[in-house]
N, C-alpha and C. Protein backbone atom coordinates (compact mmCIF):
# COMPACT_ATOMS: atom_id res chain seq x y z
N MET A 1 -7.65 -6.65 -38.75
CA MET A 1 -6.87 -5.47 -38.65
C MET A 1 -7.10 -4.76 -37.28
N GLU A 2 -8.36 -4.80 -36.87
CA GLU A 2 -8.71 -4.13 -35.58
C GLU A 2 -8.05 -4.83 -34.41
N ASP A 3 -7.94 -6.15 -34.52
CA ASP A 3 -7.33 -6.92 -33.45
C ASP A 3 -5.88 -6.56 -33.23
N GLU A 4 -5.17 -6.16 -34.22
CA GLU A 4 -3.78 -5.77 -34.14
C GLU A 4 -3.62 -4.51 -33.29
N ASN A 5 -4.57 -3.62 -33.34
CA ASN A 5 -4.48 -2.36 -32.61
C ASN A 5 -5.09 -2.42 -31.23
N LYS A 6 -5.71 -3.50 -30.85
CA LYS A 6 -6.34 -3.60 -29.55
C LYS A 6 -5.29 -3.99 -28.50
N VAL A 7 -5.39 -3.24 -27.40
CA VAL A 7 -4.51 -3.50 -26.27
C VAL A 7 -5.16 -4.30 -25.19
N ASP A 8 -4.51 -5.26 -24.65
CA ASP A 8 -5.05 -6.12 -23.61
C ASP A 8 -5.57 -5.26 -22.39
N PRO A 9 -6.83 -5.40 -22.00
CA PRO A 9 -7.29 -4.62 -20.87
C PRO A 9 -6.47 -4.80 -19.59
N ASP A 10 -5.90 -6.02 -19.38
CA ASP A 10 -5.07 -6.20 -18.20
C ASP A 10 -3.77 -5.34 -18.29
N TYR A 11 -3.29 -5.21 -19.51
CA TYR A 11 -2.02 -4.38 -19.67
C TYR A 11 -2.37 -2.90 -19.31
N ILE A 12 -3.57 -2.46 -19.82
CA ILE A 12 -3.93 -1.04 -19.53
C ILE A 12 -4.12 -0.84 -18.02
N LYS A 13 -4.74 -1.81 -17.38
CA LYS A 13 -4.92 -1.66 -15.88
C LYS A 13 -3.55 -1.56 -15.22
N GLY A 14 -2.68 -2.42 -15.65
CA GLY A 14 -1.36 -2.51 -15.00
C GLY A 14 -0.63 -1.19 -15.29
N PHE A 15 -0.67 -0.67 -16.55
CA PHE A 15 -0.02 0.56 -16.91
C PHE A 15 -0.51 1.71 -16.02
N ASN A 16 -1.80 1.79 -15.89
CA ASN A 16 -2.34 2.91 -15.04
C ASN A 16 -1.99 2.76 -13.61
N GLU A 17 -1.99 1.54 -13.09
CA GLU A 17 -1.58 1.30 -11.71
C GLU A 17 -0.13 1.64 -11.51
N GLY A 18 0.73 1.24 -12.45
CA GLY A 18 2.15 1.53 -12.34
C GLY A 18 2.38 3.04 -12.39
N TYR A 19 1.67 3.82 -13.22
CA TYR A 19 1.88 5.24 -13.36
C TYR A 19 1.46 5.91 -12.01
N VAL A 20 0.28 5.55 -11.50
CA VAL A 20 -0.25 6.22 -10.32
C VAL A 20 0.63 5.87 -9.11
N LEU A 21 0.99 4.63 -8.97
CA LEU A 21 1.74 4.28 -7.80
C LEU A 21 3.13 4.96 -7.86
N ALA A 22 3.77 5.04 -9.06
CA ALA A 22 5.05 5.71 -9.18
C ALA A 22 4.91 7.19 -8.80
N LYS A 23 3.78 7.76 -9.09
CA LYS A 23 3.58 9.18 -8.75
C LYS A 23 3.33 9.41 -7.27
N HIS A 24 2.50 8.60 -6.68
CA HIS A 24 2.01 8.81 -5.30
C HIS A 24 2.72 8.02 -4.22
N LEU A 25 3.16 6.78 -4.61
CA LEU A 25 3.79 5.94 -3.66
C LEU A 25 5.08 5.28 -4.30
N PRO A 26 6.09 6.13 -4.53
CA PRO A 26 7.26 5.64 -5.27
C PRO A 26 7.99 4.48 -4.65
N GLU A 27 7.98 4.43 -3.26
CA GLU A 27 8.67 3.36 -2.62
C GLU A 27 7.96 1.99 -2.90
N LEU A 28 6.66 2.01 -2.80
CA LEU A 28 5.92 0.82 -3.05
C LEU A 28 6.05 0.46 -4.54
N SER A 29 6.03 1.40 -5.35
CA SER A 29 6.19 1.16 -6.78
C SER A 29 7.55 0.46 -7.08
N GLU A 30 8.58 0.95 -6.41
CA GLU A 30 9.97 0.33 -6.54
C GLU A 30 9.91 -1.13 -6.08
N GLN A 31 9.31 -1.39 -4.98
CA GLN A 31 9.22 -2.77 -4.49
C GLN A 31 8.42 -3.73 -5.39
N LEU A 32 7.32 -3.21 -5.93
CA LEU A 32 6.49 -3.99 -6.81
C LEU A 32 7.16 -4.21 -8.16
N SER A 33 8.04 -3.31 -8.56
CA SER A 33 8.73 -3.42 -9.84
C SER A 33 9.70 -4.56 -9.89
N LYS A 34 10.12 -5.03 -8.72
CA LYS A 34 11.06 -6.11 -8.63
C LYS A 34 10.50 -7.47 -8.73
N THR A 35 9.17 -7.54 -8.90
CA THR A 35 8.60 -8.86 -9.10
C THR A 35 8.93 -9.38 -10.48
N VAL A 36 8.94 -10.64 -10.64
CA VAL A 36 9.38 -11.26 -11.88
C VAL A 36 8.28 -11.98 -12.66
N LEU A 37 7.04 -11.55 -12.31
CA LEU A 37 5.88 -12.18 -13.11
C LEU A 37 5.88 -11.71 -14.52
N GLN A 38 5.56 -12.60 -15.44
CA GLN A 38 5.56 -12.27 -16.84
C GLN A 38 4.13 -12.13 -17.32
N SER A 39 3.28 -11.53 -16.58
CA SER A 39 1.88 -11.40 -16.98
C SER A 39 1.72 -10.05 -17.76
N SER A 40 0.64 -9.96 -18.49
CA SER A 40 0.33 -8.77 -19.23
C SER A 40 0.20 -7.54 -18.28
N ARG A 41 -0.49 -7.83 -17.19
CA ARG A 41 -0.70 -6.71 -16.22
C ARG A 41 0.63 -6.21 -15.58
N ASN A 42 1.52 -7.14 -15.30
CA ASN A 42 2.79 -6.75 -14.71
C ASN A 42 3.62 -6.00 -15.73
N MET A 43 3.61 -6.40 -16.97
CA MET A 43 4.33 -5.67 -18.01
C MET A 43 3.80 -4.22 -18.14
N GLY A 44 2.48 -4.16 -18.10
CA GLY A 44 1.83 -2.80 -18.10
C GLY A 44 2.23 -1.96 -16.94
N PHE A 45 2.33 -2.60 -15.81
CA PHE A 45 2.74 -1.92 -14.53
C PHE A 45 4.08 -1.35 -14.75
N LEU A 46 5.06 -2.18 -15.22
CA LEU A 46 6.45 -1.76 -15.37
C LEU A 46 6.48 -0.58 -16.45
N ASP A 47 5.73 -0.71 -17.49
CA ASP A 47 5.73 0.37 -18.55
C ASP A 47 5.14 1.65 -18.05
N GLY A 48 4.06 1.57 -17.23
CA GLY A 48 3.43 2.76 -16.65
C GLY A 48 4.42 3.46 -15.62
N ARG A 49 5.10 2.68 -14.92
CA ARG A 49 6.08 3.23 -13.90
C ARG A 49 7.18 3.92 -14.69
N LYS A 50 7.66 3.24 -15.71
CA LYS A 50 8.74 3.81 -16.52
C LYS A 50 8.30 5.12 -17.23
N GLU A 51 7.03 5.10 -17.70
CA GLU A 51 6.50 6.32 -18.38
C GLU A 51 6.49 7.54 -17.37
N TYR A 52 6.08 7.32 -16.13
CA TYR A 52 6.02 8.38 -15.13
C TYR A 52 7.41 8.88 -14.88
N GLN A 53 8.34 7.92 -14.69
CA GLN A 53 9.68 8.32 -14.43
C GLN A 53 10.37 9.16 -15.49
N SER A 54 10.02 8.83 -16.76
CA SER A 54 10.63 9.57 -17.83
C SER A 54 9.98 10.96 -18.00
N GLU A 55 8.65 11.07 -17.69
CA GLU A 55 7.97 12.34 -17.66
C GLU A 55 8.56 13.25 -16.57
N LYS A 56 8.81 12.66 -15.43
CA LYS A 56 9.32 13.34 -14.28
C LYS A 56 10.72 13.89 -14.60
N LEU A 57 11.52 13.08 -15.31
CA LEU A 57 12.86 13.44 -15.62
C LEU A 57 12.83 14.60 -16.70
N LYS A 58 11.87 14.61 -17.59
CA LYS A 58 11.79 15.63 -18.59
C LYS A 58 11.43 16.96 -17.90
N ASP A 59 10.64 16.92 -16.79
CA ASP A 59 10.24 18.14 -16.14
C ASP A 59 11.49 18.80 -15.46
N LYS A 60 12.48 18.04 -15.13
CA LYS A 60 13.70 18.58 -14.49
C LYS A 60 14.72 19.14 -15.47
N LEU A 61 14.54 18.90 -16.74
CA LEU A 61 15.51 19.37 -17.73
C LEU A 61 15.31 20.90 -17.90
N PRO A 62 16.50 21.56 -18.17
CA PRO A 62 16.36 22.98 -18.46
C PRO A 62 15.58 23.30 -19.69
N ALA A 63 15.00 24.44 -19.76
CA ALA A 63 14.15 24.83 -20.89
C ALA A 63 14.77 24.78 -22.22
N TRP A 64 16.07 25.12 -22.31
CA TRP A 64 16.78 25.13 -23.56
C TRP A 64 16.94 23.74 -24.11
N ILE A 65 16.99 22.67 -23.27
CA ILE A 65 17.11 21.31 -23.70
C ILE A 65 15.78 20.84 -24.18
N LYS A 66 14.69 21.23 -23.49
CA LYS A 66 13.36 20.83 -23.90
C LYS A 66 12.90 21.54 -25.19
N GLY A 67 13.67 22.56 -25.62
CA GLY A 67 13.26 23.26 -26.84
C GLY A 67 12.35 24.41 -26.56
N GLN A 68 12.15 24.77 -25.29
CA GLN A 68 11.36 25.88 -25.01
C GLN A 68 12.16 27.11 -24.89
N ARG A 69 11.61 28.19 -25.46
CA ARG A 69 12.36 29.46 -25.45
C ARG A 69 11.57 30.49 -24.59
N THR A 70 12.31 31.25 -23.92
CA THR A 70 11.69 32.34 -23.14
C THR A 70 11.52 33.55 -23.94
N ALA A 71 10.81 34.54 -23.48
CA ALA A 71 10.53 35.76 -24.23
C ALA A 71 11.87 36.43 -24.54
N LYS A 72 12.81 36.34 -23.67
CA LYS A 72 14.10 36.96 -23.76
C LYS A 72 14.84 36.35 -24.94
N ASP A 73 14.72 35.03 -25.16
CA ASP A 73 15.40 34.35 -26.16
C ASP A 73 14.86 34.61 -27.57
N THR A 74 13.59 35.02 -27.64
CA THR A 74 12.95 35.13 -28.94
C THR A 74 13.08 36.56 -29.52
N LYS A 75 13.66 37.45 -28.79
CA LYS A 75 13.83 38.80 -29.29
C LYS A 75 14.92 38.77 -30.41
N THR A 76 14.61 39.32 -31.53
CA THR A 76 15.54 39.34 -32.61
C THR A 76 16.54 40.50 -32.35
N PRO A 77 17.82 40.27 -32.62
CA PRO A 77 18.77 41.32 -32.41
C PRO A 77 18.58 42.41 -33.43
N THR A 78 18.70 43.66 -32.99
CA THR A 78 18.55 44.75 -33.88
C THR A 78 19.86 45.05 -34.61
N LYS A 79 19.71 45.36 -35.85
CA LYS A 79 20.91 45.66 -36.64
C LYS A 79 21.10 47.21 -36.62
N ASP A 80 22.32 47.52 -36.24
CA ASP A 80 22.65 48.97 -36.20
C ASP A 80 23.48 49.32 -37.39
N VAL A 81 22.92 50.14 -38.26
CA VAL A 81 23.68 50.50 -39.54
C VAL A 81 24.85 51.36 -39.17
N ASN A 82 24.87 52.07 -38.05
CA ASN A 82 25.91 52.92 -37.73
C ASN A 82 27.08 52.24 -37.04
N ARG A 83 26.95 50.99 -36.81
CA ARG A 83 27.89 50.27 -36.07
C ARG A 83 29.08 49.92 -36.94
N ASP A 84 30.28 50.23 -36.48
CA ASP A 84 31.53 49.97 -37.33
C ASP A 84 31.83 48.45 -37.26
N ILE A 85 32.51 48.05 -38.26
CA ILE A 85 33.00 46.68 -38.33
C ILE A 85 34.26 46.63 -37.49
N GLU A 86 34.35 45.54 -36.68
CA GLU A 86 35.47 45.39 -35.78
C GLU A 86 36.80 45.34 -36.55
N PRO A 87 37.88 45.89 -36.07
CA PRO A 87 39.14 45.78 -36.81
C PRO A 87 39.56 44.32 -36.88
N GLY A 88 40.07 43.90 -38.08
CA GLY A 88 40.55 42.56 -38.28
C GLY A 88 39.46 41.70 -38.93
N ASP A 89 38.27 42.25 -39.06
CA ASP A 89 37.19 41.40 -39.63
C ASP A 89 37.13 41.60 -41.07
């Protein structure tokens, strides 16, 4: 059972390298991602690069899409008992 949860150390190295290169040297990361090696390390590299890119994209999304609310959004509207109902309602 433990063997099923174990990740290949070469994959982990590749993942970390892909993430760091995508963050600090995106041009080099782009060039290296075009290699067609089917090694565990290369698969990790591609996944690490993809992970960084998805995190970067999430950072650019507006707060309302991310589900974050500002203090202004969390204020509950006050009910005014003296407010008349609009005509036609």
